Amino acid sequence: MSASMYVPSFTMKQRVTLMVNKYELIATNPDGSDGPLLALAQQKRMAFKEQVTFYRDDTKAQVVFSFKARKAIDLGSGYDVLDADGQPIGWFKKEFGKSLLRSSWQLSAPGIDTDGTERNPTIAIVRRVWDFVPFIGEIPLPFIFHFDFAERGTGKPVLSVERKLSVRDRYHITVQDERLDFRVAAAMTVALDALQSR
């Protein structure tokens, strides 16, 4: 059974500003070009880790969905994805123990539980080394990295998030499982960019 808001493919773009994180979620047309804007999030960086709200457009007149930390003090407790009315439609959580060498996440939605892992272990290690080298780690380096989420137990592909090489962060998202709601997939994608320690 398909999710109520199933989108098989979309792009996430990040607008770089001094004080605000801004993400645009854009549908992908059948020919691969950018389609209409699906949602956008704009939030002050200091508040980004606890809650992110997605709107229909720049006017912020209509909320589409959001995600919120279960515990503001303990961000490792996970995040709930909420619909426009504040009802839960999924959740995700970083697995810190497994993420020492390769970032790993749990992602769940109605009828589906997944595990997500950084695809390339070499890039994962290089990113961590880069962060620990004095002074060099302060230089932003646009690593290309991919995450694959598979259904727990069956290994069936559910979601792929691929970061493209560009000046601004740009990701291509493929949702292989029709049970995964666009809003849950989009929240997870923003979290991969904004929340994980690189």
N, C-alpha and C. Protein backbone atom coordinates (compact mmCIF):
# COMPACT_ATOMS: atom_id res chain seq x y z
N MET A 1 0.84 -1.20 0.00
CA MET A 1 0.00 0.00 0.00
C MET A 1 0.87 1.25 0.00
N SER A 2 0.62 2.19 -0.91
CA SER A 2 1.42 3.39 -1.03
C SER A 2 1.13 4.37 0.09
N ALA A 3 2.16 5.14 0.47
CA ALA A 3 1.99 6.20 1.46
C ALA A 3 1.09 7.28 0.87
N SER A 4 0.46 8.06 1.75
CA SER A 4 -0.46 9.10 1.27
C SER A 4 0.25 10.18 0.48
N MET A 5 1.53 10.39 0.76
CA MET A 5 2.32 11.38 0.01
C MET A 5 3.59 10.70 -0.51
N TYR A 6 3.43 9.83 -1.49
CA TYR A 6 4.59 9.13 -2.05
C TYR A 6 5.16 9.94 -3.21
N VAL A 7 6.45 10.24 -3.14
CA VAL A 7 7.17 10.93 -4.21
C VAL A 7 8.39 10.07 -4.54
N PRO A 8 8.46 9.48 -5.74
CA PRO A 8 9.54 8.54 -6.04
C PRO A 8 10.93 9.16 -6.16
N SER A 9 10.99 10.44 -6.53
CA SER A 9 12.30 11.06 -6.72
C SER A 9 12.18 12.57 -6.50
N PHE A 10 13.13 13.13 -5.75
CA PHE A 10 13.15 14.58 -5.55
C PHE A 10 14.57 15.03 -5.23
N THR A 11 14.76 16.33 -5.26
CA THR A 11 16.07 16.94 -5.00
C THR A 11 15.97 17.85 -3.78
N MET A 12 17.05 17.89 -3.02
CA MET A 12 17.14 18.85 -1.93
C MET A 12 18.29 19.80 -2.21
N LYS A 13 18.01 21.10 -2.15
CA LYS A 13 19.04 22.12 -2.31
C LYS A 13 19.15 22.91 -1.02
N GLN A 14 20.37 23.27 -0.67
CA GLN A 14 20.58 24.10 0.50
C GLN A 14 21.02 25.49 0.06
N ARG A 15 20.34 26.52 0.57
CA ARG A 15 20.77 27.89 0.36
C ARG A 15 21.68 28.28 1.51
N VAL A 16 22.86 28.77 1.17
CA VAL A 16 23.82 29.13 2.20
C VAL A 16 23.63 30.59 2.61
N THR A 17 23.32 30.83 3.87
CA THR A 17 23.22 32.19 4.41
C THR A 17 23.98 32.24 5.72
N LEU A 18 24.22 33.45 6.21
CA LEU A 18 25.06 33.61 7.39
C LEU A 18 24.40 33.09 8.66
N MET A 19 23.11 33.40 8.85
CA MET A 19 22.45 33.07 10.10
C MET A 19 21.38 31.99 10.00
N VAL A 20 21.02 31.61 8.78
CA VAL A 20 19.87 30.72 8.60
C VAL A 20 20.23 29.52 7.73
N ASN A 21 19.73 28.35 8.12
CA ASN A 21 19.79 27.17 7.26
C ASN A 21 18.52 27.15 6.43
N LYS A 22 18.63 27.00 5.12
CA LYS A 22 17.45 26.98 4.27
C LYS A 22 17.56 25.80 3.30
N TYR A 23 16.53 24.97 3.30
CA TYR A 23 16.49 23.80 2.44
C TYR A 23 15.27 23.85 1.54
N GLU A 24 15.46 23.57 0.26
CA GLU A 24 14.37 23.50 -0.70
C GLU A 24 14.22 22.06 -1.18
N LEU A 25 13.01 21.53 -1.15
CA LEU A 25 12.72 20.18 -1.61
C LEU A 25 11.92 20.30 -2.90
N ILE A 26 12.50 19.77 -3.98
CA ILE A 26 11.97 19.99 -5.32
C ILE A 26 11.68 18.65 -5.99
N ALA A 27 10.49 18.51 -6.55
CA ALA A 27 10.12 17.27 -7.25
C ALA A 27 11.01 17.10 -8.48
N THR A 28 11.26 15.86 -8.86
CA THR A 28 12.03 15.56 -10.06
C THR A 28 11.08 15.13 -11.17
N ASN A 29 11.15 15.81 -12.31
CA ASN A 29 10.32 15.45 -13.45
C ASN A 29 10.78 14.13 -14.06
N PRO A 30 9.92 13.48 -14.86
CA PRO A 30 10.31 12.22 -15.51
C PRO A 30 11.59 12.31 -16.33
N ASP A 31 11.88 13.50 -16.91
CA ASP A 31 13.09 13.66 -17.71
C ASP A 31 14.32 13.99 -16.88
N GLY A 32 14.16 14.04 -15.54
CA GLY A 32 15.28 14.31 -14.66
C GLY A 32 15.46 15.77 -14.29
N SER A 33 14.71 16.66 -14.90
CA SER A 33 14.81 18.08 -14.59
C SER A 33 14.05 18.41 -13.31
N ASP A 34 14.31 19.60 -12.77
CA ASP A 34 13.62 20.03 -11.56
C ASP A 34 12.16 20.34 -11.85
N GLY A 35 11.29 19.87 -10.96
CA GLY A 35 9.87 20.15 -11.07
C GLY A 35 9.46 21.20 -10.06
N PRO A 36 8.24 21.14 -9.57
CA PRO A 36 7.74 22.15 -8.63
C PRO A 36 8.34 22.00 -7.23
N LEU A 37 8.33 23.11 -6.49
CA LEU A 37 8.75 23.12 -5.10
C LEU A 37 7.73 22.35 -4.26
N LEU A 38 8.21 21.39 -3.46
CA LEU A 38 7.34 20.59 -2.61
C LEU A 38 7.24 21.17 -1.20
N ALA A 39 8.35 21.67 -0.70
CA ALA A 39 8.39 22.23 0.65
C ALA A 39 9.74 22.90 0.87
N LEU A 40 9.80 23.77 1.87
CA LEU A 40 11.08 24.35 2.23
C LEU A 40 11.14 24.57 3.74
N ALA A 41 12.36 24.53 4.24
CA ALA A 41 12.59 24.76 5.67
C ALA A 41 13.58 25.89 5.82
N GLN A 42 13.30 26.79 6.74
CA GLN A 42 14.21 27.89 7.02
C GLN A 42 14.21 28.11 8.52
N GLN A 43 15.39 28.03 9.10
CA GLN A 43 15.45 28.13 10.56
C GLN A 43 16.80 28.67 10.99
N LYS A 44 16.82 29.41 12.09
CA LYS A 44 18.08 29.89 12.64
C LYS A 44 18.93 28.70 13.03
N ARG A 45 20.21 28.80 12.78
CA ARG A 45 21.11 27.67 13.02
C ARG A 45 21.12 27.23 14.47
N MET A 46 21.00 28.15 15.39
CA MET A 46 21.06 27.78 16.80
C MET A 46 19.87 26.90 17.21
N ALA A 47 18.76 27.00 16.50
CA ALA A 47 17.56 26.24 16.87
C ALA A 47 17.36 25.02 15.99
N PHE A 48 18.26 24.80 15.03
CA PHE A 48 18.02 23.79 14.01
C PHE A 48 18.04 22.37 14.54
N LYS A 49 18.82 22.12 15.58
CA LYS A 49 18.97 20.75 16.05
C LYS A 49 17.74 20.22 16.78
N GLU A 50 16.90 21.10 17.30
CA GLU A 50 15.77 20.64 18.09
C GLU A 50 14.48 20.49 17.31
N GLN A 51 14.21 21.39 16.38
CA GLN A 51 12.98 21.31 15.61
C GLN A 51 13.14 22.00 14.27
N VAL A 52 12.60 21.41 13.23
CA VAL A 52 12.62 21.99 11.89
C VAL A 52 11.21 21.93 11.32
N THR A 53 10.72 23.06 10.82
CA THR A 53 9.38 23.13 10.24
C THR A 53 9.49 23.37 8.74
N PHE A 54 8.71 22.62 7.97
CA PHE A 54 8.70 22.73 6.51
C PHE A 54 7.41 23.41 6.06
N TYR A 55 7.58 24.39 5.17
CA TYR A 55 6.45 25.17 4.69
C TYR A 55 6.23 24.93 3.19
N ARG A 56 5.05 25.32 2.71
CA ARG A 56 4.72 25.17 1.29
C ARG A 56 5.58 26.08 0.42
N ASP A 57 5.85 27.30 0.91
CA ASP A 57 6.65 28.26 0.14
C ASP A 57 7.26 29.30 1.08
N ASP A 58 7.88 30.33 0.49
CA ASP A 58 8.59 31.35 1.27
C ASP A 58 7.68 32.18 2.16
N THR A 59 6.39 32.20 1.90
CA THR A 59 5.49 32.99 2.72
C THR A 59 5.32 32.41 4.12
N LYS A 60 5.60 31.13 4.27
CA LYS A 60 5.45 30.40 5.53
C LYS A 60 4.00 30.40 6.03
N ALA A 61 3.07 30.53 5.10
CA ALA A 61 1.66 30.58 5.47
C ALA A 61 1.08 29.20 5.73
N GLN A 62 1.68 28.16 5.11
CA GLN A 62 1.14 26.81 5.23
C GLN A 62 2.23 25.82 5.64
N VAL A 63 2.04 25.20 6.79
CA VAL A 63 2.97 24.16 7.24
C VAL A 63 2.66 22.86 6.51
N VAL A 64 3.70 22.18 6.04
CA VAL A 64 3.53 20.89 5.36
C VAL A 64 3.84 19.75 6.32
N PHE A 65 4.93 19.87 7.06
CA PHE A 65 5.31 18.87 8.07
C PHE A 65 6.45 19.44 8.88
N SER A 66 6.91 18.67 9.86
CA SER A 66 8.04 19.09 10.69
C SER A 66 8.71 17.87 11.29
N PHE A 67 9.88 18.08 11.87
CA PHE A 67 10.44 17.04 12.74
C PHE A 67 10.99 17.70 13.99
N LYS A 68 10.92 16.96 15.08
CA LYS A 68 11.22 17.53 16.39
C LYS A 68 11.94 16.50 17.26
N ALA A 69 12.96 16.96 17.98
CA ALA A 69 13.69 16.08 18.90
C ALA A 69 12.77 15.65 20.03
N ARG A 70 12.84 14.38 20.39
CA ARG A 70 12.02 13.87 21.50
C ARG A 70 12.45 14.49 22.82
N LYS A 71 13.75 14.71 22.98
CA LYS A 71 14.29 15.34 24.19
C LYS A 71 15.30 16.38 23.74
N ALA A 72 15.07 17.63 24.10
CA ALA A 72 15.96 18.71 23.67
C ALA A 72 17.37 18.53 24.20
N ILE A 73 17.49 17.98 25.41
CA ILE A 73 18.81 17.80 26.02
C ILE A 73 19.53 16.60 25.43
N ASP A 74 18.80 15.52 25.17
CA ASP A 74 19.39 14.29 24.65
C ASP A 74 18.93 14.08 23.21
N LEU A 75 19.69 14.66 22.25
CA LEU A 75 19.31 14.56 20.84
C LEU A 75 19.45 13.13 20.32
N GLY A 76 20.18 12.29 21.05
CA GLY A 76 20.32 10.90 20.65
C GLY A 76 19.08 10.08 20.87
N SER A 77 18.07 10.66 21.54
CA SER A 77 16.83 9.91 21.79
C SER A 77 15.97 9.79 20.55
N GLY A 78 16.27 10.57 19.52
CA GLY A 78 15.55 10.45 18.26
C GLY A 78 14.67 11.65 17.96
N TYR A 79 14.11 11.62 16.76
CA TYR A 79 13.26 12.70 16.26
C TYR A 79 11.97 12.12 15.72
N ASP A 80 10.87 12.80 16.00
CA ASP A 80 9.58 12.43 15.45
C ASP A 80 9.27 13.31 14.25
N VAL A 81 8.75 12.69 13.18
CA VAL A 81 8.29 13.43 12.01
C VAL A 81 6.78 13.61 12.17
N LEU A 82 6.32 14.85 12.04
CA LEU A 82 4.92 15.19 12.31
C LEU A 82 4.26 15.78 11.07
N ASP A 83 2.99 15.47 10.86
CA ASP A 83 2.27 16.05 9.73
C ASP A 83 1.88 17.49 10.05
N ALA A 84 1.14 18.12 9.15
CA ALA A 84 0.78 19.52 9.32
C ALA A 84 -0.03 19.77 10.58
N ASP A 85 -0.72 18.74 11.07
CA ASP A 85 -1.54 18.87 12.27
C ASP A 85 -0.81 18.45 13.54
N GLY A 86 0.48 18.12 13.41
CA GLY A 86 1.26 17.72 14.57
C GLY A 86 1.14 16.25 14.94
N GLN A 87 0.56 15.44 14.05
CA GLN A 87 0.42 14.01 14.32
C GLN A 87 1.65 13.25 13.81
N PRO A 88 2.16 12.27 14.56
CA PRO A 88 3.36 11.54 14.13
C PRO A 88 3.12 10.67 12.91
N ILE A 89 4.06 10.74 11.97
CA ILE A 89 3.98 9.92 10.75
C ILE A 89 5.26 9.11 10.54
N GLY A 90 6.21 9.22 11.45
CA GLY A 90 7.46 8.48 11.35
C GLY A 90 8.46 9.01 12.36
N TRP A 91 9.62 8.38 12.41
CA TRP A 91 10.68 8.84 13.30
C TRP A 91 12.03 8.37 12.78
N PHE A 92 13.10 9.01 13.26
CA PHE A 92 14.45 8.58 12.91
C PHE A 92 15.38 8.83 14.09
N LYS A 93 16.51 8.14 14.06
CA LYS A 93 17.46 8.21 15.16
C LYS A 93 18.85 7.83 14.66
N LYS A 94 19.85 8.58 15.08
CA LYS A 94 21.22 8.21 14.73
C LYS A 94 21.71 7.13 15.68
N GLU A 95 22.40 6.13 15.14
CA GLU A 95 22.98 5.06 15.96
C GLU A 95 24.44 5.42 16.20
N PHE A 96 24.69 6.07 17.34
CA PHE A 96 26.01 6.63 17.60
C PHE A 96 27.10 5.56 17.71
N GLY A 97 26.77 4.41 18.29
CA GLY A 97 27.76 3.34 18.41
C GLY A 97 28.24 2.84 17.06
N LYS A 98 27.31 2.61 16.15
CA LYS A 98 27.64 2.13 14.80
C LYS A 98 28.26 3.23 13.94
N SER A 99 28.10 4.49 14.36
CA SER A 99 28.52 5.61 13.52
C SER A 99 29.97 6.03 13.74
N LEU A 100 30.71 5.28 14.55
CA LEU A 100 32.10 5.66 14.81
C LEU A 100 32.92 5.65 13.53
N LEU A 101 32.68 4.67 12.65
CA LEU A 101 33.41 4.60 11.40
C LEU A 101 32.55 4.95 10.19
N ARG A 102 31.27 4.55 10.23
CA ARG A 102 30.34 4.87 9.14
C ARG A 102 29.03 5.32 9.75
N SER A 103 28.56 6.50 9.38
CA SER A 103 27.33 7.02 9.95
C SER A 103 26.18 6.06 9.68
N SER A 104 25.39 5.80 10.72
CA SER A 104 24.27 4.85 10.63
C SER A 104 23.05 5.45 11.31
N TRP A 105 21.88 5.19 10.72
CA TRP A 105 20.62 5.72 11.22
C TRP A 105 19.54 4.65 11.20
N GLN A 106 18.55 4.83 12.06
CA GLN A 106 17.31 4.06 11.98
C GLN A 106 16.23 5.01 11.48
N LEU A 107 15.37 4.52 10.60
CA LEU A 107 14.27 5.30 10.06
C LEU A 107 13.03 4.42 10.02
N SER A 108 11.93 4.92 10.59
CA SER A 108 10.70 4.12 10.64
C SER A 108 9.50 4.97 10.23
N ALA A 109 8.55 4.32 9.58
CA ALA A 109 7.28 4.91 9.18
C ALA A 109 6.25 3.79 9.27
N PRO A 110 4.95 4.09 9.17
CA PRO A 110 3.94 3.04 9.28
C PRO A 110 4.21 1.86 8.34
N GLY A 111 4.37 0.68 8.93
CA GLY A 111 4.56 -0.54 8.16
C GLY A 111 5.96 -0.80 7.67
N ILE A 112 6.91 0.05 8.07
CA ILE A 112 8.27 -0.13 7.55
C ILE A 112 9.31 0.36 8.55
N ASP A 113 10.32 -0.49 8.79
CA ASP A 113 11.46 -0.15 9.64
C ASP A 113 12.73 -0.35 8.83
N THR A 114 13.61 0.66 8.84
CA THR A 114 14.80 0.57 8.01
C THR A 114 16.06 0.89 8.80
N ASP A 115 17.18 0.44 8.25
CA ASP A 115 18.50 0.81 8.73
C ASP A 115 19.23 1.49 7.58
N GLY A 116 19.84 2.64 7.87
CA GLY A 116 20.57 3.38 6.84
C GLY A 116 22.03 3.51 7.19
N THR A 117 22.88 3.34 6.18
CA THR A 117 24.32 3.38 6.39
C THR A 117 25.00 4.13 5.26
N GLU A 118 26.05 4.84 5.59
CA GLU A 118 26.87 5.50 4.59
C GLU A 118 27.45 4.44 3.66
N ARG A 119 27.28 4.64 2.37
CA ARG A 119 27.61 3.60 1.40
C ARG A 119 29.10 3.31 1.30
N ASN A 120 29.94 4.33 1.26
CA ASN A 120 31.37 4.15 1.01
C ASN A 120 32.16 4.30 2.30
N PRO A 121 32.72 3.20 2.83
CA PRO A 121 33.46 3.29 4.11
C PRO A 121 34.73 4.12 4.00
N THR A 122 35.35 4.17 2.83
CA THR A 122 36.57 4.96 2.66
C THR A 122 36.29 6.44 2.81
N ILE A 123 35.25 6.92 2.14
CA ILE A 123 34.88 8.34 2.26
C ILE A 123 34.49 8.66 3.69
N ALA A 124 33.80 7.74 4.35
CA ALA A 124 33.39 7.96 5.74
C ALA A 124 34.61 8.20 6.63
N ILE A 125 35.66 7.40 6.44
CA ILE A 125 36.87 7.54 7.26
C ILE A 125 37.60 8.83 6.91
N VAL A 126 37.71 9.15 5.62
CA VAL A 126 38.39 10.39 5.20
C VAL A 126 37.68 11.61 5.79
N ARG A 127 36.36 11.60 5.82
CA ARG A 127 35.62 12.73 6.40
C ARG A 127 35.96 12.90 7.87
N ARG A 128 36.08 11.79 8.60
CA ARG A 128 36.39 11.88 10.02
C ARG A 128 37.82 12.36 10.25
N VAL A 129 38.76 11.88 9.47
CA VAL A 129 40.15 12.32 9.59
C VAL A 129 40.25 13.82 9.30
N TRP A 130 39.53 14.26 8.25
CA TRP A 130 39.54 15.67 7.87
C TRP A 130 39.09 16.55 9.04
N ASP A 131 38.09 16.11 9.77
CA ASP A 131 37.55 16.89 10.88
C ASP A 131 38.54 17.03 12.04
N PHE A 132 39.47 16.08 12.16
CA PHE A 132 40.38 16.08 13.31
C PHE A 132 41.74 16.71 13.01
N VAL A 133 42.04 16.99 11.74
CA VAL A 133 43.32 17.60 11.41
C VAL A 133 43.26 19.09 11.78
N PRO A 134 44.19 19.57 12.61
CA PRO A 134 44.15 20.99 13.04
C PRO A 134 44.12 21.94 11.85
N PHE A 135 43.29 22.95 11.94
CA PHE A 135 43.12 24.01 10.94
C PHE A 135 42.46 23.52 9.65
N ILE A 136 42.91 22.39 9.13
CA ILE A 136 42.36 21.89 7.87
C ILE A 136 40.89 21.54 8.03
N GLY A 137 40.54 20.98 9.19
CA GLY A 137 39.16 20.60 9.43
C GLY A 137 38.19 21.77 9.41
N GLU A 138 38.72 23.00 9.54
CA GLU A 138 37.87 24.18 9.48
C GLU A 138 37.52 24.56 8.04
N ILE A 139 38.21 23.99 7.07
CA ILE A 139 37.95 24.29 5.67
C ILE A 139 36.82 23.39 5.18
N PRO A 140 35.71 23.96 4.72
CA PRO A 140 34.61 23.12 4.25
C PRO A 140 35.00 22.39 2.97
N LEU A 141 34.84 21.09 2.98
CA LEU A 141 35.17 20.28 1.81
C LEU A 141 33.91 19.52 1.40
N PRO A 142 33.44 19.73 0.17
CA PRO A 142 32.18 19.11 -0.25
C PRO A 142 32.35 17.63 -0.62
N PHE A 143 32.44 16.78 0.40
CA PHE A 143 32.56 15.35 0.14
C PHE A 143 31.29 14.83 -0.55
N ILE A 144 31.49 13.98 -1.53
CA ILE A 144 30.35 13.29 -2.13
C ILE A 144 30.11 12.04 -1.29
N PHE A 145 28.91 11.93 -0.74
CA PHE A 145 28.62 10.71 0.02
C PHE A 145 27.17 10.30 -0.20
N HIS A 146 26.95 9.02 -0.02
CA HIS A 146 25.64 8.42 -0.26
C HIS A 146 25.20 7.64 0.96
N PHE A 147 23.90 7.63 1.20
CA PHE A 147 23.30 6.80 2.24
C PHE A 147 22.26 5.89 1.61
N ASP A 148 22.28 4.64 2.03
CA ASP A 148 21.29 3.67 1.57
C ASP A 148 20.52 3.14 2.77
N PHE A 149 19.19 3.17 2.67
CA PHE A 149 18.32 2.65 3.71
C PHE A 149 17.62 1.40 3.18
N ALA A 150 17.69 0.33 3.96
CA ALA A 150 17.08 -0.94 3.56
C ALA A 150 16.15 -1.42 4.66
N GLU A 151 15.12 -2.14 4.27
CA GLU A 151 14.15 -2.66 5.22
C GLU A 151 14.81 -3.67 6.15
N ARG A 152 14.59 -3.48 7.42
CA ARG A 152 15.16 -4.39 8.41
C ARG A 152 14.57 -5.78 8.24
N GLY A 153 15.43 -6.77 8.16
CA GLY A 153 14.98 -8.15 8.03
C GLY A 153 15.02 -8.66 6.61
N THR A 154 14.52 -7.86 5.65
CA THR A 154 14.49 -8.31 4.25
C THR A 154 15.63 -7.75 3.42
N GLY A 155 16.18 -6.61 3.83
CA GLY A 155 17.24 -5.98 3.05
C GLY A 155 16.74 -5.27 1.80
N LYS A 156 15.44 -5.15 1.66
CA LYS A 156 14.85 -4.51 0.48
C LYS A 156 15.19 -3.02 0.47
N PRO A 157 15.68 -2.48 -0.68
CA PRO A 157 15.99 -1.05 -0.75
C PRO A 157 14.74 -0.20 -0.51
N VAL A 158 14.90 0.84 0.29
CA VAL A 158 13.78 1.71 0.63
C VAL A 158 14.06 3.16 0.21
N LEU A 159 15.26 3.64 0.51
CA LEU A 159 15.58 5.05 0.29
C LEU A 159 17.07 5.20 0.02
N SER A 160 17.40 6.02 -0.99
CA SER A 160 18.80 6.36 -1.28
C SER A 160 18.94 7.87 -1.32
N VAL A 161 19.97 8.36 -0.64
CA VAL A 161 20.25 9.79 -0.61
C VAL A 161 21.66 9.99 -1.13
N GLU A 162 21.81 10.74 -2.21
CA GLU A 162 23.11 10.93 -2.84
C GLU A 162 23.46 12.41 -2.89
N ARG A 163 24.57 12.75 -2.28
CA ARG A 163 25.03 14.14 -2.31
C ARG A 163 25.84 14.37 -3.58
N LYS A 164 25.49 15.43 -4.30
CA LYS A 164 26.17 15.77 -5.53
C LYS A 164 27.29 16.78 -5.25
N LEU A 165 28.31 16.76 -6.11
CA LEU A 165 29.42 17.69 -5.98
C LEU A 165 29.00 19.04 -6.54
N SER A 166 28.86 20.03 -5.65
CA SER A 166 28.45 21.37 -6.07
C SER A 166 28.87 22.36 -4.99
N VAL A 167 28.84 23.65 -5.33
CA VAL A 167 29.21 24.68 -4.37
C VAL A 167 28.25 24.66 -3.19
N ARG A 168 26.96 24.55 -3.49
CA ARG A 168 25.95 24.42 -2.44
C ARG A 168 25.63 22.94 -2.27
N ASP A 169 25.22 22.59 -1.06
CA ASP A 169 24.79 21.20 -0.85
C ASP A 169 23.60 20.91 -1.76
N ARG A 170 23.68 19.82 -2.50
CA ARG A 170 22.58 19.39 -3.37
C ARG A 170 22.52 17.87 -3.30
N TYR A 171 21.35 17.36 -3.02
CA TYR A 171 21.16 15.92 -2.87
C TYR A 171 20.08 15.44 -3.84
N HIS A 172 20.29 14.23 -4.35
CA HIS A 172 19.25 13.57 -5.13
C HIS A 172 18.72 12.41 -4.31
N ILE A 173 17.40 12.34 -4.15
CA ILE A 173 16.77 11.35 -3.30
C ILE A 173 15.89 10.43 -4.14
N THR A 174 16.06 9.13 -3.96
CA THR A 174 15.24 8.13 -4.63
C THR A 174 14.53 7.30 -3.57
N VAL A 175 13.22 7.22 -3.67
CA VAL A 175 12.42 6.44 -2.72
C VAL A 175 11.94 5.19 -3.46
N GLN A 176 12.56 4.05 -3.15
CA GLN A 176 12.25 2.81 -3.85
C GLN A 176 11.00 2.11 -3.31
N ASP A 177 10.62 2.42 -2.10
CA ASP A 177 9.48 1.75 -1.46
C ASP A 177 8.30 2.72 -1.36
N GLU A 178 7.19 2.36 -1.98
CA GLU A 178 6.02 3.24 -2.03
C GLU A 178 5.38 3.45 -0.66
N ARG A 179 5.75 2.67 0.32
CA ARG A 179 5.19 2.84 1.66
C ARG A 179 5.82 4.02 2.41
N LEU A 180 6.94 4.52 1.91
CA LEU A 180 7.65 5.59 2.62
C LEU A 180 7.12 6.95 2.17
N ASP A 181 6.52 7.66 3.10
CA ASP A 181 5.95 8.98 2.86
C ASP A 181 7.05 9.98 2.51
N PHE A 182 6.77 10.84 1.53
CA PHE A 182 7.72 11.89 1.14
C PHE A 182 8.18 12.71 2.34
N ARG A 183 7.27 13.03 3.23
CA ARG A 183 7.61 13.89 4.36
C ARG A 183 8.64 13.24 5.27
N VAL A 184 8.54 11.93 5.46
CA VAL A 184 9.50 11.20 6.29
C VAL A 184 10.85 11.13 5.58
N ALA A 185 10.82 10.84 4.28
CA ALA A 185 12.06 10.78 3.49
C ALA A 185 12.75 12.13 3.47
N ALA A 186 11.98 13.20 3.32
CA ALA A 186 12.55 14.55 3.26
C ALA A 186 13.15 14.95 4.61
N ALA A 187 12.47 14.64 5.70
CA ALA A 187 13.00 14.95 7.03
C ALA A 187 14.32 14.23 7.26
N MET A 188 14.39 12.96 6.86
CA MET A 188 15.62 12.20 7.02
C MET A 188 16.75 12.82 6.20
N THR A 189 16.45 13.27 5.00
CA THR A 189 17.47 13.86 4.14
C THR A 189 18.04 15.14 4.74
N VAL A 190 17.19 16.01 5.25
CA VAL A 190 17.66 17.23 5.89
C VAL A 190 18.51 16.89 7.12
N ALA A 191 18.09 15.87 7.87
CA ALA A 191 18.85 15.46 9.05
C ALA A 191 20.25 14.99 8.67
N LEU A 192 20.37 14.27 7.55
CA LEU A 192 21.68 13.79 7.12
C LEU A 192 22.63 14.94 6.86
N ASP A 193 22.08 16.06 6.38
CA ASP A 193 22.93 17.22 6.11
C ASP A 193 23.16 18.07 7.35
N ALA A 194 22.11 18.28 8.13
CA ALA A 194 22.17 19.29 9.19
C ALA A 194 22.54 18.76 10.56
N LEU A 195 22.24 17.49 10.84
CA LEU A 195 22.34 17.01 12.21
C LEU A 195 23.54 16.13 12.49
N GLN A 196 24.00 15.38 11.50
CA GLN A 196 25.05 14.44 11.83
C GLN A 196 26.38 15.15 11.96
N SER A 197 27.17 14.67 12.88
CA SER A 197 28.53 15.18 13.04
C SER A 197 29.38 14.59 11.94
N ARG A 198 30.05 15.46 11.20
CA ARG A 198 30.84 14.97 10.08
C ARG A 198 32.28 14.79 10.45
